Amino acid sequence: MKKNPNASEFLRINIDGQYSTIRLEPSSFSKSANELRREQTHKLAMEHVMRGAKLTREAKCFEAIQLFNKALSVDEGCVDAYVGRGAA
């Protein structure tokens, strides 16, 4: 806040005091970094799976298998990628 006094004025926070008025409780963070990382990698893997499924329906199986393999390189536990690769 000291670097951006306009933000402190907008939020009506006193930046001249010894202590911060913003309280961050550990319970206010619902997910750990590892949980967020797992969610992000699974989401990225599923994007590859969806593209691979589309290519499989278009009978472009070689390209689809490459996408399913890419999904598995991101998230080796992605069951949908294994199923899709088997179908392709």
C-alpha atoms as a PDB file:
ATOM      1  CA  MET A   1       0.000   0.000   0.000  1.00  0.00           C
ATOM      2  CA  LYS A   2       2.863   2.376   0.673  1.00  0.00           C
ATOM      3  CA  LYS A   3       3.889   2.015  -2.976  1.00  0.00           C
ATOM      4  CA  ASN A   4       0.374   2.796  -4.141  1.00  0.00           C
ATOM      5  CA  PRO A   5      -1.210   5.442  -1.889  1.00  0.00           C
ATOM      6  CA  ASN A   6      -4.151   5.786  -4.275  1.00  0.00           C
ATOM      7  CA  ALA A   7      -5.224   2.239  -3.489  1.00  0.00           C
ATOM      8  CA  SER A   8      -5.083   2.943   0.233  1.00  0.00           C
ATOM      9  CA  GLU A   9      -7.272   6.010  -0.252  1.00  0.00           C
ATOM     10  CA  PHE A  10      -9.733   4.079  -2.381  1.00  0.00           C
ATOM     11  CA  LEU A  11      -9.916   1.251   0.179  1.00  0.00           C
ATOM     12  CA  ARG A  12      -9.841   3.753   3.058  1.00  0.00           C
ATOM     13  CA  ILE A  13      -6.953   1.989   4.737  1.00  0.00           C
ATOM     14  CA  ASN A  14      -4.508   3.860   6.939  1.00  0.00           C
ATOM     15  CA  ILE A  15      -0.973   3.154   5.690  1.00  0.00           C
ATOM     16  CA  ASP A  16       0.822   5.232   8.299  1.00  0.00           C
ATOM     17  CA  GLY A  17       0.095   2.904  11.202  1.00  0.00           C
ATOM     18  CA  GLN A  18       2.464   0.337  12.631  1.00  0.00           C
ATOM     19  CA  TYR A  19       0.152  -2.603  11.950  1.00  0.00           C
ATOM     20  CA  SER A  20      -1.841  -3.669   8.928  1.00  0.00           C
ATOM     21  CA  THR A  21      -5.609  -3.526   9.091  1.00  0.00           C
ATOM     22  CA  ILE A  22      -5.952  -6.364   6.606  1.00  0.00           C
ATOM     23  CA  ARG A  23      -6.310  -9.723   8.286  1.00  0.00           C
ATOM     24  CA  LEU A  24      -5.613 -12.914   6.421  1.00  0.00           C
ATOM     25  CA  GLU A  25      -6.755 -15.988   8.261  1.00  0.00           C
ATOM     26  CA  PRO A  26      -5.424 -19.381   7.148  1.00  0.00           C
ATOM     27  CA  SER A  27      -8.994 -20.643   6.940  1.00  0.00           C
ATOM     28  CA  SER A  28      -9.780 -17.989   4.318  1.00  0.00           C
ATOM     29  CA  PHE A  29      -7.663 -19.928   1.804  1.00  0.00           C
ATOM     30  CA  SER A  30      -9.719 -22.956   0.905  1.00  0.00           C
ATOM     31  CA  LYS A  31      -7.184 -24.785  -1.278  1.00  0.00           C
ATOM     32  CA  SER A  32      -3.515 -25.526  -0.965  1.00  0.00           C
ATOM     33  CA  ALA A  33      -1.021 -24.874  -3.731  1.00  0.00           C
ATOM     34  CA  ASN A  34      -0.819 -28.607  -4.458  1.00  0.00           C
ATOM     35  CA  GLU A  35      -4.597 -28.862  -4.832  1.00  0.00           C
ATOM     36  CA  LEU A  36      -4.636 -25.884  -7.194  1.00  0.00           C
ATOM     37  CA  ARG A  37      -1.765 -27.372  -9.216  1.00  0.00           C
ATOM     38  CA  ARG A  38      -3.620 -30.712  -9.543  1.00  0.00           C
ATOM     39  CA  GLU A  39      -6.770 -28.919 -10.701  1.00  0.00           C
ATOM     40  CA  GLN A  40      -4.850 -26.877 -13.254  1.00  0.00           C
ATOM     41  CA  THR A  41      -2.991 -29.874 -14.680  1.00  0.00           C
ATOM     42  CA  HIS A  42      -6.197 -31.899 -14.899  1.00  0.00           C
ATOM     43  CA  LYS A  43      -7.957 -29.030 -16.659  1.00  0.00           C
ATOM     44  CA  LEU A  44      -5.109 -28.726 -19.182  1.00  0.00           C
ATOM     45  CA  ALA A  45      -5.122 -32.493 -19.735  1.00  0.00           C
ATOM     46  CA  MET A  46      -8.880 -32.430 -20.328  1.00  0.00           C
ATOM     47  CA  GLU A  47      -8.453 -29.716 -22.961  1.00  0.00           C
ATOM     48  CA  HIS A  48      -6.140 -32.078 -24.851  1.00  0.00           C
ATOM     49  CA  VAL A  49      -8.622 -34.930 -24.335  1.00  0.00           C
ATOM     50  CA  MET A  50     -11.489 -32.895 -25.763  1.00  0.00           C
ATOM     51  CA  ARG A  51      -9.441 -31.961 -28.825  1.00  0.00           C
ATOM     52  CA  GLY A  52      -8.358 -35.592 -29.185  1.00  0.00           C
ATOM     53  CA  ALA A  53     -11.959 -36.805 -28.974  1.00  0.00           C
ATOM     54  CA  LYS A  54     -12.939 -34.391 -31.734  1.00  0.00           C
ATOM     55  CA  LEU A  55     -10.135 -35.668 -33.941  1.00  0.00           C
ATOM     56  CA  THR A  56     -11.138 -39.268 -33.220  1.00  0.00           C
ATOM     57  CA  ARG A  57     -14.670 -38.526 -34.414  1.00  0.00           C
ATOM     58  CA  GLU A  58     -13.146 -37.036 -37.571  1.00  0.00           C
ATOM     59  CA  ALA A  59     -11.174 -40.302 -38.098  1.00  0.00           C
ATOM     60  CA  LYS A  60      -7.857 -38.488 -37.548  1.00  0.00           C
ATOM     61  CA  CYS A  61      -6.678 -41.133 -35.121  1.00  0.00           C
ATOM     62  CA  PHE A  62      -2.926 -40.553 -35.349  1.00  0.00           C
ATOM     63  CA  GLU A  63      -3.297 -36.896 -34.398  1.00  0.00           C
ATOM     64  CA  ALA A  64      -5.816 -37.824 -31.703  1.00  0.00           C
ATOM     65  CA  ILE A  65      -3.423 -40.329 -30.123  1.00  0.00           C
ATOM     66  CA  GLN A  66      -0.757 -37.634 -30.005  1.00  0.00           C
ATOM     67  CA  LEU A  67      -3.132 -35.352 -28.099  1.00  0.00           C
ATOM     68  CA  PHE A  68      -4.113 -38.132 -25.682  1.00  0.00           C
ATOM     69  CA  ASN A  69      -0.411 -38.800 -25.072  1.00  0.00           C
ATOM     70  CA  LYS A  70       0.130 -35.096 -24.453  1.00  0.00           C
ATOM     71  CA  ALA A  71      -2.731 -35.137 -21.942  1.00  0.00           C
ATOM     72  CA  LEU A  72      -1.094 -38.068 -20.175  1.00  0.00           C
ATOM     73  CA  SER A  73       2.248 -36.278 -20.090  1.00  0.00           C
ATOM     74  CA  VAL A  74       0.515 -33.439 -18.245  1.00  0.00           C
ATOM     75  CA  ASP A  75      -1.632 -35.623 -15.955  1.00  0.00           C
ATOM     76  CA  GLU A  76      -0.670 -39.282 -15.909  1.00  0.00           C
ATOM     77  CA  GLY A  77      -3.765 -40.133 -13.878  1.00  0.00           C
ATOM     78  CA  CYS A  78      -6.232 -38.794 -16.463  1.00  0.00           C
ATOM     79  CA  VAL A  79      -8.487 -41.788 -17.082  1.00  0.00           C
ATOM     80  CA  ASP A  80     -10.291 -40.048 -19.942  1.00  0.00           C
ATOM     81  CA  ALA A  81      -7.004 -39.787 -21.850  1.00  0.00           C
ATOM     82  CA  TYR A  82      -6.415 -43.532 -21.518  1.00  0.00           C
ATOM     83  CA  VAL A  83      -9.950 -44.293 -22.689  1.00  0.00           C
ATOM     84  CA  GLY A  84      -9.678 -41.863 -25.582  1.00  0.00           C
ATOM     85  CA  ARG A  85      -6.340 -43.239 -26.649  1.00  0.00           C
ATOM     86  CA  GLY A  86      -7.742 -46.758 -26.589  1.00  0.00           C
ATOM     87  CA  ALA A  87     -10.724 -45.686 -28.674  1.00  0.00           C
ATOM     88  CA  ALA A  88      -8.525 -43.937 -31.218  1.00  0.00           C
END
